[in-house]
Amino acid sequence: MGFRVRQPARPPKAETPSAPAETVTIRQSEFIPATPSAVYAAFLDPKTHAEFTGADATFERREGGRFSAGAGYITGKFLRLQHGRRIVQEWKTAEWPANAPPSVLELRFLPRENGTEIQMVQTRVPANQAPRFRRGWTEHYWTPLKKYFNRDR
């Protein structure tokens, strides 16, 4: 008579969460030929934002309010709004890695002679996407924003 040794059942393999994506910070500064209030408003008015970027945007203009830009490519919420001085947002794009935290974007609008200096700091940007974001700020925001405000000159 033979005895079989019964093996204990193995617990199912637990899925191991993927490691958080490596992130970097992007810093840029640009001069825009308009007042700080006008530049601030351009970032928060859906019509103006669409005019200078060429893509639809929606905004709930309040702290905690949701927004989308780039025809829904970017979505997020406002963390801080200081009229004419500062915007802080948390956001992701449609291509954001699932294991990456939302990016935090801070825009400061500083009065300068004949315009505004925008100081931009964007933290928690996935490192593999950072070169594209750096170019994207120039191509989709700074250059079109300058053209938008220069059109009346």
N, C-alpha and C. Protein backbone atom coordinates (compact mmCIF):
# COMPACT_ATOMS: atom_id res chain seq x y z
N MET A 1 0.83 -1.16 0.00
CA MET A 1 0.00 0.00 0.00
C MET A 1 0.88 1.23 0.00
N GLY A 2 0.65 2.10 -0.96
CA GLY A 2 1.45 3.31 -1.05
C GLY A 2 0.71 4.53 -0.53
N PHE A 3 1.46 5.37 0.07
CA PHE A 3 0.88 6.63 0.54
C PHE A 3 1.38 7.76 -0.32
N ARG A 4 0.47 8.61 -0.63
CA ARG A 4 0.86 9.83 -1.36
C ARG A 4 0.97 10.97 -0.39
N VAL A 5 2.03 11.68 -0.53
CA VAL A 5 2.19 12.87 0.29
C VAL A 5 1.50 14.01 -0.45
N ARG A 6 0.60 14.59 0.22
CA ARG A 6 -0.16 15.68 -0.40
C ARG A 6 0.60 16.98 -0.22
N GLN A 7 0.83 17.65 -1.33
CA GLN A 7 1.52 18.94 -1.29
C GLN A 7 0.52 20.02 -0.88
N PRO A 8 0.95 20.91 -0.02
CA PRO A 8 0.02 22.00 0.33
C PRO A 8 -0.23 22.88 -0.90
N ALA A 9 -1.42 23.38 -0.97
CA ALA A 9 -1.78 24.27 -2.10
C ALA A 9 -0.94 25.53 -2.01
N ARG A 10 -0.49 25.98 -3.16
CA ARG A 10 0.29 27.22 -3.20
C ARG A 10 -0.68 28.40 -3.27
N PRO A 11 -0.38 29.41 -2.50
CA PRO A 11 -1.23 30.60 -2.62
C PRO A 11 -1.00 31.24 -3.99
N PRO A 12 -2.03 31.87 -4.53
CA PRO A 12 -1.83 32.53 -5.82
C PRO A 12 -0.75 33.60 -5.69
N LYS A 13 0.00 33.78 -6.77
CA LYS A 13 1.05 34.79 -6.77
C LYS A 13 0.42 36.17 -6.64
N ALA A 14 0.92 36.90 -5.70
CA ALA A 14 0.46 38.28 -5.56
C ALA A 14 1.12 39.11 -6.65
N GLU A 15 0.35 39.99 -7.23
CA GLU A 15 0.93 40.87 -8.24
C GLU A 15 1.79 41.89 -7.52
N THR A 16 3.00 42.01 -7.98
CA THR A 16 3.87 43.00 -7.38
C THR A 16 3.68 44.31 -8.13
N PRO A 17 3.41 45.37 -7.40
CA PRO A 17 3.23 46.65 -8.09
C PRO A 17 4.52 47.07 -8.76
N SER A 18 4.38 47.68 -9.91
CA SER A 18 5.59 48.12 -10.60
C SER A 18 6.19 49.29 -9.83
N ALA A 19 7.45 49.42 -9.95
CA ALA A 19 8.16 50.49 -9.25
C ALA A 19 7.67 51.83 -9.78
N PRO A 20 7.63 52.83 -8.90
CA PRO A 20 7.22 54.15 -9.37
C PRO A 20 8.14 54.63 -10.50
N ALA A 21 7.56 55.33 -11.43
CA ALA A 21 8.34 55.86 -12.55
C ALA A 21 9.34 56.89 -12.03
N GLU A 22 10.52 56.91 -12.64
CA GLU A 22 11.51 57.93 -12.30
C GLU A 22 10.98 59.27 -12.81
N THR A 23 11.08 60.30 -11.99
CA THR A 23 10.57 61.61 -12.39
C THR A 23 11.66 62.67 -12.31
N VAL A 24 11.42 63.77 -13.03
CA VAL A 24 12.35 64.90 -13.05
C VAL A 24 11.55 66.19 -12.92
N THR A 25 12.27 67.28 -12.76
CA THR A 25 11.67 68.61 -12.69
C THR A 25 12.10 69.41 -13.91
N ILE A 26 11.15 70.11 -14.50
CA ILE A 26 11.43 70.99 -15.64
C ILE A 26 11.25 72.42 -15.15
N ARG A 27 12.21 73.27 -15.47
CA ARG A 27 12.13 74.70 -15.14
C ARG A 27 12.33 75.50 -16.43
N GLN A 28 11.44 76.44 -16.65
CA GLN A 28 11.57 77.33 -17.81
C GLN A 28 11.11 78.72 -17.40
N SER A 29 11.64 79.71 -18.11
CA SER A 29 11.26 81.09 -17.88
C SER A 29 11.11 81.75 -19.24
N GLU A 30 10.02 82.49 -19.42
CA GLU A 30 9.74 83.14 -20.71
C GLU A 30 9.19 84.54 -20.48
N PHE A 31 9.51 85.41 -21.41
CA PHE A 31 8.94 86.77 -21.40
C PHE A 31 7.76 86.80 -22.36
N ILE A 32 6.63 87.32 -21.88
CA ILE A 32 5.42 87.45 -22.69
C ILE A 32 5.05 88.94 -22.72
N PRO A 33 4.81 89.50 -23.91
CA PRO A 33 4.54 90.94 -24.02
C PRO A 33 3.09 91.31 -23.66
N ALA A 34 2.73 91.11 -22.39
CA ALA A 34 1.39 91.45 -21.90
C ALA A 34 1.49 91.56 -20.37
N THR A 35 0.47 92.14 -19.77
CA THR A 35 0.47 92.30 -18.31
C THR A 35 0.32 90.94 -17.62
N PRO A 36 0.77 90.85 -16.37
CA PRO A 36 0.58 89.59 -15.64
C PRO A 36 -0.89 89.16 -15.58
N SER A 37 -1.80 90.11 -15.38
CA SER A 37 -3.23 89.76 -15.33
C SER A 37 -3.72 89.19 -16.66
N ALA A 38 -3.26 89.75 -17.76
CA ALA A 38 -3.69 89.27 -19.08
C ALA A 38 -3.14 87.87 -19.36
N VAL A 39 -1.88 87.63 -19.00
CA VAL A 39 -1.28 86.32 -19.23
C VAL A 39 -1.94 85.28 -18.33
N TYR A 40 -2.15 85.63 -17.07
CA TYR A 40 -2.85 84.75 -16.12
C TYR A 40 -4.22 84.38 -16.69
N ALA A 41 -4.96 85.37 -17.15
CA ALA A 41 -6.30 85.13 -17.69
C ALA A 41 -6.26 84.22 -18.92
N ALA A 42 -5.23 84.35 -19.75
CA ALA A 42 -5.12 83.51 -20.94
C ALA A 42 -5.00 82.03 -20.57
N PHE A 43 -4.41 81.74 -19.43
CA PHE A 43 -4.28 80.36 -18.99
C PHE A 43 -5.57 79.81 -18.38
N LEU A 44 -6.51 80.69 -18.03
CA LEU A 44 -7.72 80.24 -17.34
C LEU A 44 -9.01 80.46 -18.13
N ASP A 45 -8.96 81.21 -19.20
CA ASP A 45 -10.17 81.44 -20.00
C ASP A 45 -10.20 80.43 -21.15
N PRO A 46 -11.22 79.56 -21.20
CA PRO A 46 -11.23 78.51 -22.23
C PRO A 46 -11.15 79.05 -23.65
N LYS A 47 -11.82 80.16 -23.92
CA LYS A 47 -11.82 80.72 -25.28
C LYS A 47 -10.42 81.22 -25.65
N THR A 48 -9.81 82.01 -24.78
CA THR A 48 -8.47 82.54 -25.04
C THR A 48 -7.45 81.41 -25.12
N HIS A 49 -7.54 80.47 -24.19
CA HIS A 49 -6.63 79.33 -24.17
C HIS A 49 -6.71 78.57 -25.50
N ALA A 50 -7.91 78.34 -25.98
CA ALA A 50 -8.10 77.64 -27.26
C ALA A 50 -7.57 78.47 -28.43
N GLU A 51 -7.73 79.80 -28.35
CA GLU A 51 -7.23 80.66 -29.42
C GLU A 51 -5.71 80.57 -29.56
N PHE A 52 -4.99 80.59 -28.45
CA PHE A 52 -3.53 80.59 -28.59
C PHE A 52 -2.95 79.18 -28.72
N THR A 53 -3.63 78.14 -28.19
CA THR A 53 -3.08 76.78 -28.32
C THR A 53 -3.62 76.04 -29.53
N GLY A 54 -4.79 76.46 -30.02
CA GLY A 54 -5.40 75.76 -31.14
C GLY A 54 -6.16 74.51 -30.74
N ALA A 55 -6.42 74.31 -29.44
CA ALA A 55 -7.14 73.12 -28.98
C ALA A 55 -8.12 73.49 -27.88
N ASP A 56 -9.23 72.76 -27.82
CA ASP A 56 -10.26 73.03 -26.81
C ASP A 56 -9.74 72.85 -25.40
N ALA A 57 -10.32 73.62 -24.48
CA ALA A 57 -9.99 73.54 -23.06
C ALA A 57 -11.24 73.82 -22.24
N THR A 58 -11.31 73.23 -21.06
CA THR A 58 -12.39 73.52 -20.12
C THR A 58 -11.78 73.77 -18.75
N PHE A 59 -12.34 74.71 -18.01
CA PHE A 59 -11.79 75.06 -16.71
C PHE A 59 -12.88 75.33 -15.70
N GLU A 60 -12.77 74.75 -14.51
CA GLU A 60 -13.55 75.17 -13.34
C GLU A 60 -12.59 76.07 -12.56
N ARG A 61 -12.72 77.37 -12.75
CA ARG A 61 -11.72 78.33 -12.25
C ARG A 61 -11.86 78.58 -10.75
N ARG A 62 -11.46 77.58 -9.99
CA ARG A 62 -11.46 77.68 -8.52
C ARG A 62 -10.49 76.64 -7.99
N GLU A 63 -9.96 76.86 -6.80
CA GLU A 63 -9.08 75.87 -6.20
C GLU A 63 -9.87 74.58 -5.98
N GLY A 64 -9.31 73.47 -6.42
CA GLY A 64 -10.00 72.19 -6.38
C GLY A 64 -10.79 71.91 -7.64
N GLY A 65 -10.94 72.92 -8.51
CA GLY A 65 -11.69 72.77 -9.76
C GLY A 65 -10.93 71.92 -10.76
N ARG A 66 -11.68 71.18 -11.57
CA ARG A 66 -11.10 70.32 -12.60
C ARG A 66 -10.86 71.12 -13.88
N PHE A 67 -9.96 70.62 -14.71
CA PHE A 67 -9.72 71.26 -16.00
C PHE A 67 -9.24 70.22 -17.00
N SER A 68 -9.36 70.57 -18.27
CA SER A 68 -8.75 69.79 -19.34
C SER A 68 -8.23 70.77 -20.38
N ALA A 69 -7.17 70.37 -21.06
CA ALA A 69 -6.57 71.20 -22.11
C ALA A 69 -6.08 70.28 -23.22
N GLY A 70 -5.77 70.88 -24.35
CA GLY A 70 -5.29 70.08 -25.47
C GLY A 70 -6.35 69.12 -25.96
N ALA A 71 -7.61 69.58 -25.99
CA ALA A 71 -8.74 68.74 -26.42
C ALA A 71 -8.83 67.46 -25.59
N GLY A 72 -8.56 67.57 -24.28
CA GLY A 72 -8.67 66.43 -23.38
C GLY A 72 -7.37 65.67 -23.17
N TYR A 73 -6.30 66.05 -23.86
CA TYR A 73 -5.01 65.36 -23.71
C TYR A 73 -4.46 65.53 -22.29
N ILE A 74 -4.67 66.73 -21.71
CA ILE A 74 -4.22 67.03 -20.35
C ILE A 74 -5.46 67.16 -19.47
N THR A 75 -5.46 66.51 -18.31
CA THR A 75 -6.55 66.66 -17.34
C THR A 75 -5.95 66.81 -15.95
N GLY A 76 -6.65 67.55 -15.10
CA GLY A 76 -6.15 67.73 -13.76
C GLY A 76 -7.04 68.62 -12.92
N LYS A 77 -6.44 69.17 -11.86
CA LYS A 77 -7.20 70.07 -10.99
C LYS A 77 -6.30 71.21 -10.54
N PHE A 78 -6.96 72.31 -10.18
CA PHE A 78 -6.25 73.49 -9.68
C PHE A 78 -6.00 73.31 -8.18
N LEU A 79 -4.76 73.48 -7.78
CA LEU A 79 -4.41 73.40 -6.37
C LEU A 79 -4.38 74.79 -5.73
N ARG A 80 -3.96 75.78 -6.52
CA ARG A 80 -3.84 77.15 -6.00
C ARG A 80 -4.02 78.15 -7.13
N LEU A 81 -4.81 79.18 -6.89
CA LEU A 81 -5.01 80.27 -7.85
C LEU A 81 -4.85 81.60 -7.12
N GLN A 82 -3.89 82.42 -7.56
CA GLN A 82 -3.69 83.75 -7.02
C GLN A 82 -3.75 84.70 -8.20
N HIS A 83 -4.85 85.41 -8.33
CA HIS A 83 -5.12 86.22 -9.51
C HIS A 83 -3.93 87.07 -9.95
N GLY A 84 -3.54 86.87 -11.21
CA GLY A 84 -2.48 87.65 -11.81
C GLY A 84 -1.08 87.34 -11.32
N ARG A 85 -0.97 86.37 -10.38
CA ARG A 85 0.34 86.09 -9.79
C ARG A 85 0.79 84.65 -9.89
N ARG A 86 -0.14 83.70 -9.73
CA ARG A 86 0.30 82.31 -9.59
C ARG A 86 -0.82 81.33 -9.89
N ILE A 87 -0.46 80.23 -10.57
CA ILE A 87 -1.35 79.10 -10.80
C ILE A 87 -0.57 77.85 -10.43
N VAL A 88 -1.19 76.98 -9.63
CA VAL A 88 -0.59 75.68 -9.32
C VAL A 88 -1.62 74.62 -9.69
N GLN A 89 -1.19 73.66 -10.50
CA GLN A 89 -2.07 72.60 -10.98
C GLN A 89 -1.42 71.24 -10.73
N GLU A 90 -2.29 70.25 -10.61
CA GLU A 90 -1.86 68.86 -10.62
C GLU A 90 -2.45 68.26 -11.87
N TRP A 91 -1.63 67.60 -12.71
CA TRP A 91 -2.19 67.05 -13.94
C TRP A 91 -1.42 65.88 -14.51
N LYS A 92 -2.10 65.20 -15.43
CA LYS A 92 -1.55 64.07 -16.18
C LYS A 92 -1.97 64.23 -17.65
N THR A 93 -1.26 63.53 -18.52
CA THR A 93 -1.67 63.48 -19.92
C THR A 93 -2.30 62.12 -20.21
N ALA A 94 -2.84 61.99 -21.40
CA ALA A 94 -3.45 60.72 -21.82
C ALA A 94 -2.41 59.61 -21.91
N GLU A 95 -1.12 59.96 -22.00
CA GLU A 95 -0.04 58.97 -22.12
C GLU A 95 0.74 58.79 -20.82
N TRP A 96 0.19 59.26 -19.72
CA TRP A 96 0.89 59.22 -18.44
C TRP A 96 1.07 57.78 -17.97
N PRO A 97 2.25 57.41 -17.48
CA PRO A 97 2.44 56.06 -16.97
C PRO A 97 1.52 55.79 -15.77
N ALA A 98 0.95 54.61 -15.73
CA ALA A 98 0.01 54.26 -14.65
C ALA A 98 0.67 54.33 -13.28
N ASN A 99 1.97 54.08 -13.20
CA ASN A 99 2.66 54.06 -11.92
C ASN A 99 3.29 55.40 -11.55
N ALA A 100 2.98 56.46 -12.29
CA ALA A 100 3.56 57.78 -12.03
C ALA A 100 2.53 58.67 -11.33
N PRO A 101 2.99 59.42 -10.33
CA PRO A 101 2.07 60.37 -9.68
C PRO A 101 1.77 61.51 -10.64
N PRO A 102 0.68 62.24 -10.39
CA PRO A 102 0.41 63.41 -11.25
C PRO A 102 1.56 64.42 -11.15
N SER A 103 1.75 65.15 -12.22
CA SER A 103 2.72 66.22 -12.24
C SER A 103 2.15 67.40 -11.47
N VAL A 104 3.02 68.21 -10.90
CA VAL A 104 2.60 69.47 -10.28
C VAL A 104 3.25 70.59 -11.08
N LEU A 105 2.41 71.48 -11.57
CA LEU A 105 2.87 72.61 -12.38
C LEU A 105 2.62 73.89 -11.61
N GLU A 106 3.66 74.72 -11.51
CA GLU A 106 3.51 76.04 -10.91
C GLU A 106 3.93 77.08 -11.93
N LEU A 107 3.03 78.02 -12.18
CA LEU A 107 3.29 79.16 -13.06
C LEU A 107 3.26 80.42 -12.21
N ARG A 108 4.33 81.20 -12.27
CA ARG A 108 4.38 82.50 -11.58
C ARG A 108 4.45 83.58 -12.65
N PHE A 109 3.68 84.64 -12.46
CA PHE A 109 3.57 85.74 -13.42
C PHE A 109 4.19 86.98 -12.77
N LEU A 110 5.38 87.35 -13.24
CA LEU A 110 6.12 88.46 -12.63
C LEU A 110 6.11 89.67 -13.56
N PRO A 111 5.72 90.85 -13.03
CA PRO A 111 5.70 92.04 -13.87
C PRO A 111 7.12 92.44 -14.27
N ARG A 112 7.27 92.74 -15.54
CA ARG A 112 8.54 93.22 -16.10
C ARG A 112 8.23 94.40 -17.01
N GLU A 113 9.24 95.16 -17.36
CA GLU A 113 9.03 96.28 -18.27
C GLU A 113 8.47 95.75 -19.58
N ASN A 114 7.34 96.29 -20.02
CA ASN A 114 6.66 95.91 -21.26
C ASN A 114 6.12 94.48 -21.29
N GLY A 115 5.91 93.89 -20.11
CA GLY A 115 5.32 92.55 -20.15
C GLY A 115 5.44 91.78 -18.86
N THR A 116 5.49 90.45 -19.03
CA THR A 116 5.48 89.52 -17.91
C THR A 116 6.54 88.45 -18.10
N GLU A 117 7.21 88.13 -17.03
CA GLU A 117 8.07 86.96 -17.04
C GLU A 117 7.27 85.83 -16.41
N ILE A 118 7.13 84.73 -17.15
CA ILE A 118 6.50 83.53 -16.60
C ILE A 118 7.63 82.63 -16.12
N GLN A 119 7.57 82.27 -14.86
CA GLN A 119 8.49 81.27 -14.32
C GLN A 119 7.68 79.99 -14.13
N MET A 120 8.11 78.95 -14.83
CA MET A 120 7.40 77.68 -14.80
C MET A 120 8.27 76.62 -14.16
N VAL A 121 7.68 75.90 -13.19
CA VAL A 121 8.34 74.75 -12.59
C VAL A 121 7.33 73.61 -12.64
N GLN A 122 7.73 72.52 -13.28
CA GLN A 122 6.86 71.35 -13.38
C GLN A 122 7.60 70.17 -12.76
N THR A 123 7.08 69.68 -11.63
CA THR A 123 7.72 68.57 -10.91
C THR A 123 7.00 67.26 -11.23
N ARG A 124 7.65 66.18 -10.87
CA ARG A 124 7.12 64.82 -11.05
C ARG A 124 6.78 64.50 -12.51
N VAL A 125 7.64 64.92 -13.42
CA VAL A 125 7.47 64.60 -14.84
C VAL A 125 8.19 63.28 -15.09
N PRO A 126 7.51 62.29 -15.68
CA PRO A 126 8.20 61.03 -15.99
C PRO A 126 9.46 61.32 -16.81
N ALA A 127 10.59 60.81 -16.34
CA ALA A 127 11.88 61.12 -16.96
C ALA A 127 11.91 60.80 -18.45
N ASN A 128 11.26 59.71 -18.84
CA ASN A 128 11.29 59.33 -20.26
C ASN A 128 10.43 60.25 -21.13
N GLN A 129 9.58 61.08 -20.52
CA GLN A 129 8.75 62.01 -21.28
C GLN A 129 9.25 63.45 -21.20
N ALA A 130 10.21 63.72 -20.33
CA ALA A 130 10.66 65.09 -20.09
C ALA A 130 11.17 65.82 -21.33
N PRO A 131 11.98 65.20 -22.20
CA PRO A 131 12.43 65.94 -23.38
C PRO A 131 11.26 66.43 -24.25
N ARG A 132 10.25 65.60 -24.38
CA ARG A 132 9.08 65.98 -25.18
C ARG A 132 8.30 67.11 -24.50
N PHE A 133 8.19 67.05 -23.18
CA PHE A 133 7.49 68.12 -22.46
C PHE A 133 8.25 69.45 -22.58
N ARG A 134 9.57 69.39 -22.47
CA ARG A 134 10.36 70.63 -22.61
C ARG A 134 10.09 71.30 -23.96
N ARG A 135 10.13 70.51 -25.02
CA ARG A 135 9.81 71.05 -26.36
C ARG A 135 8.36 71.49 -26.45
N GLY A 136 7.48 70.70 -25.86
CA GLY A 136 6.05 71.00 -25.91
C GLY A 136 5.69 72.33 -25.29
N TRP A 137 6.35 72.68 -24.18
CA TRP A 137 6.07 73.99 -23.58
C TRP A 137 6.38 75.11 -24.56
N THR A 138 7.50 75.00 -25.24
CA THR A 138 7.88 76.03 -26.21
C THR A 138 6.94 76.03 -27.41
N GLU A 139 6.73 74.86 -27.99
CA GLU A 139 5.92 74.75 -29.22
C GLU A 139 4.44 75.03 -29.01
N HIS A 140 3.88 74.58 -27.88
CA HIS A 140 2.42 74.67 -27.68
C HIS A 140 1.98 75.78 -26.74
N TYR A 141 2.93 76.36 -26.02
CA TYR A 141 2.55 77.44 -25.09
C TYR A 141 3.34 78.73 -25.33
N TRP A 142 4.64 78.71 -25.12
CA TRP A 142 5.38 79.99 -25.13
C TRP A 142 5.34 80.67 -26.49
N THR A 143 5.65 79.97 -27.57
CA THR A 143 5.65 80.60 -28.89
C THR A 143 4.24 81.06 -29.29
N PRO A 144 3.20 80.22 -29.16
CA PRO A 144 1.86 80.68 -29.51
C PRO A 144 1.36 81.82 -28.61
N LEU A 145 1.72 81.80 -27.33
CA LEU A 145 1.30 82.86 -26.41
C LEU A 145 1.91 84.20 -26.80
N LYS A 146 3.18 84.18 -27.19
CA LYS A 146 3.84 85.41 -27.66
C LYS A 146 3.16 85.92 -28.93
N LYS A 147 2.87 85.03 -29.85
CA LYS A 147 2.17 85.43 -31.09
C LYS A 147 0.80 86.00 -30.77
N TYR A 148 0.09 85.36 -29.86
CA TYR A 148 -1.25 85.83 -29.48
C TYR A 148 -1.20 87.26 -28.96
N PHE A 149 -0.27 87.56 -28.09
CA PHE A 149 -0.19 88.90 -27.51
C PHE A 149 0.49 89.90 -28.44
N ASN A 150 1.25 89.45 -29.41
CA ASN A 150 1.86 90.35 -30.39
C ASN A 150 0.95 90.70 -31.54
N ARG A 151 -0.17 90.00 -31.69
CA ARG A 151 -1.04 90.19 -32.86
C ARG A 151 -1.62 91.60 -32.93
N ASP A 152 -1.77 92.26 -31.79
CA ASP A 152 -2.36 93.61 -31.77
C ASP A 152 -1.31 94.71 -31.85
N ARG A 153 -0.06 94.33 -31.93
CA ARG A 153 1.01 95.35 -31.94
C ARG A 153 1.35 95.78 -33.33
